[in-house]
Amino acid sequence: QVQLVESGGGSVQAGGSLRLSCAASGYTSSSYFMGWFRQAPGKEREGVAAIYTGDGTTYVADSEKGRFTISQDNAKNTLYLQMNSLKPEDTAMYYCAARPGTKYDIIWYRWIEYNYWGQGTQVTVSS
């Protein structure tokens, strides 16, 4: 059973930065899609970024390119999301998710494709 634990959320002012972490354990497959999603109150959960652990290919939502960077530390089994130039509209609960499989198994930004989820970490950006 894959377990995911997020950390690093908090409150920042607009223009600030945060780095989210997702510690993973219980892997049973050699390759996973690991994704970051967020959900603001009253809004649908949306894909922010993902990485395919098999070859390190990264995916970032067009609206976040240039501000958000996803990375992984294989030795620590940890996924990161570096968020810069934060805006009030980035305020949301951020979730880490995982899905075993090949690179072409899923559409990375569709939350329903992922099997495993963390409990979330809150990010609040004030203007």
Protein backbone atom coordinates (compact mmCIF):
# COMPACT_ATOMS: atom_id res chain seq x y z
CA GLN A 1 0.00 0.00 0.00
CA VAL A 2 1.49 3.31 -1.09
CA GLN A 3 1.43 6.01 1.55
CA LEU A 4 1.94 9.68 0.78
CA VAL A 5 2.54 12.41 3.34
CA GLU A 6 2.65 16.05 2.28
CA SER A 7 4.30 18.89 4.13
CA GLY A 8 5.54 22.41 3.52
CA GLY A 9 2.30 24.31 3.18
CA GLY A 10 1.70 27.58 4.96
CA SER A 11 0.75 31.21 4.63
CA VAL A 12 2.76 33.58 2.48
CA GLN A 13 2.30 36.95 0.88
CA ALA A 14 1.85 37.34 -2.84
CA GLY A 15 5.15 37.06 -4.64
CA GLY A 16 6.56 34.68 -2.06
CA SER A 17 7.68 31.08 -2.42
CA LEU A 18 6.97 27.73 -0.85
CA ARG A 19 8.33 24.25 -1.38
CA LEU A 20 5.97 21.38 -0.82
CA SER A 21 7.25 17.90 -0.05
CA CYS A 22 5.61 14.52 -0.42
CA ALA A 23 7.23 11.58 1.35
CA ALA A 24 6.28 8.29 -0.27
CA SER A 25 6.51 4.75 1.02
CA GLY A 26 5.21 1.31 0.18
CA TYR A 27 6.05 1.30 -3.52
CA THR A 28 5.26 -1.95 -5.28
CA SER A 29 5.99 -0.85 -8.84
CA SER A 30 9.19 0.36 -10.44
CA SER A 31 7.52 3.31 -12.14
CA TYR A 32 4.83 5.71 -11.07
CA PHE A 33 3.18 8.88 -12.08
CA MET A 34 3.54 11.24 -9.12
CA GLY A 35 1.39 14.34 -9.26
CA TRP A 36 0.51 17.49 -7.40
CA PHE A 37 -3.09 18.59 -7.40
CA ARG A 38 -4.89 21.43 -5.70
CA GLN A 39 -8.43 22.18 -4.74
CA ALA A 40 -9.83 25.49 -3.63
CA PRO A 41 -13.17 25.72 -1.82
CA GLY A 42 -16.03 25.32 -4.28
CA LYS A 43 -13.72 24.43 -7.15
CA GLU A 44 -12.80 21.21 -8.87
CA ARG A 45 -9.53 19.50 -8.09
CA GLU A 46 -6.97 20.43 -10.73
CA GLY A 47 -3.63 19.05 -11.81
CA VAL A 48 -0.67 21.33 -11.14
CA ALA A 49 2.33 19.20 -12.09
CA ALA A 50 3.43 15.61 -12.39
CA ILE A 51 6.52 13.52 -12.91
CA TYR A 52 6.96 10.09 -14.37
CA THR A 53 9.46 8.35 -12.12
CA GLY A 54 10.50 5.89 -14.79
CA ASP A 55 12.44 8.44 -16.79
CA GLY A 56 11.99 11.72 -14.93
CA THR A 57 9.71 13.32 -17.50
CA THR A 58 7.92 16.29 -15.94
CA TYR A 59 4.61 17.90 -16.73
CA VAL A 60 3.44 21.32 -15.55
CA ALA A 61 0.09 22.96 -16.15
CA ASP A 62 0.38 25.73 -18.73
CA SER A 63 -0.89 28.29 -16.25
CA GLU A 64 1.93 27.47 -13.82
CA LYS A 65 4.86 27.12 -16.20
CA GLY A 66 7.65 29.40 -15.21
CA ARG A 67 6.47 29.56 -11.58
CA PHE A 68 6.15 25.95 -10.43
CA THR A 69 8.77 23.22 -10.68
CA ILE A 70 8.30 19.55 -9.82
CA SER A 71 11.21 17.33 -8.87
CA GLN A 72 11.99 14.12 -7.08
CA ASP A 73 14.71 12.79 -4.81
CA ASN A 74 14.81 9.06 -5.46
CA ALA A 75 17.14 8.38 -2.55
CA LYS A 76 14.65 9.94 -0.15
CA ASN A 77 11.51 8.76 -1.98
CA THR A 78 10.33 12.33 -1.86
CA LEU A 79 8.49 14.47 -4.37
CA TYR A 80 8.78 18.25 -4.34
CA LEU A 81 6.84 21.17 -5.73
CA GLN A 82 8.72 24.46 -5.76
CA MET A 83 6.27 27.32 -6.07
CA ASN A 84 7.55 30.82 -6.82
CA SER A 85 5.83 34.14 -7.45
CA LEU A 86 2.77 32.92 -5.61
CA LYS A 87 -0.56 34.60 -6.24
CA PRO A 88 -3.71 34.75 -4.11
CA GLU A 89 -5.40 32.49 -6.65
CA ASP A 90 -2.89 29.77 -5.76
CA THR A 91 -4.60 29.46 -2.39
CA ALA A 92 -5.85 25.88 -2.06
CA MET A 93 -5.31 22.53 -0.44
CA TYR A 94 -2.48 20.82 -2.27
CA TYR A 95 -2.44 17.06 -2.62
CA CYS A 96 0.20 14.58 -3.65
CA ALA A 97 -0.99 11.60 -5.68
CA ALA A 98 0.48 8.47 -7.21
CA ARG A 99 -0.42 5.97 -9.86
CA PRO A 100 1.69 2.98 -10.93
CA GLY A 101 2.04 2.28 -14.61
CA THR A 102 3.76 3.16 -17.84
CA LYS A 103 4.31 6.60 -19.21
CA TYR A 104 1.36 6.41 -21.59
CA ASP A 105 -1.18 4.90 -19.22
CA ILE A 106 -2.80 8.09 -18.02
CA ILE A 107 -3.57 11.72 -18.70
CA TRP A 108 -1.45 13.22 -15.97
CA TYR A 109 -3.70 16.12 -15.01
CA ARG A 110 -6.85 14.07 -14.50
CA TRP A 111 -7.15 13.47 -10.78
CA ILE A 112 -9.42 10.48 -11.25
CA GLU A 113 -6.55 8.56 -12.84
CA TYR A 114 -4.59 8.39 -9.59
CA ASN A 115 -4.91 5.58 -7.07
CA TYR A 116 -3.16 6.93 -4.01
CA TRP A 117 -3.54 10.27 -2.26
CA GLY A 118 -2.01 12.11 0.62
CA GLN A 119 -3.99 14.04 3.21
CA GLY A 120 -3.13 17.43 1.72
CA THR A 121 -1.31 20.53 2.86
CA GLN A 122 -2.87 23.98 2.90
CA VAL A 123 -1.34 26.86 0.98
CA THR A 124 -2.68 30.35 1.63
CA VAL A 125 -1.43 33.35 -0.32
CA SER A 126 -2.45 36.81 0.85
CA SER A 127 -2.44 39.93 -1.28
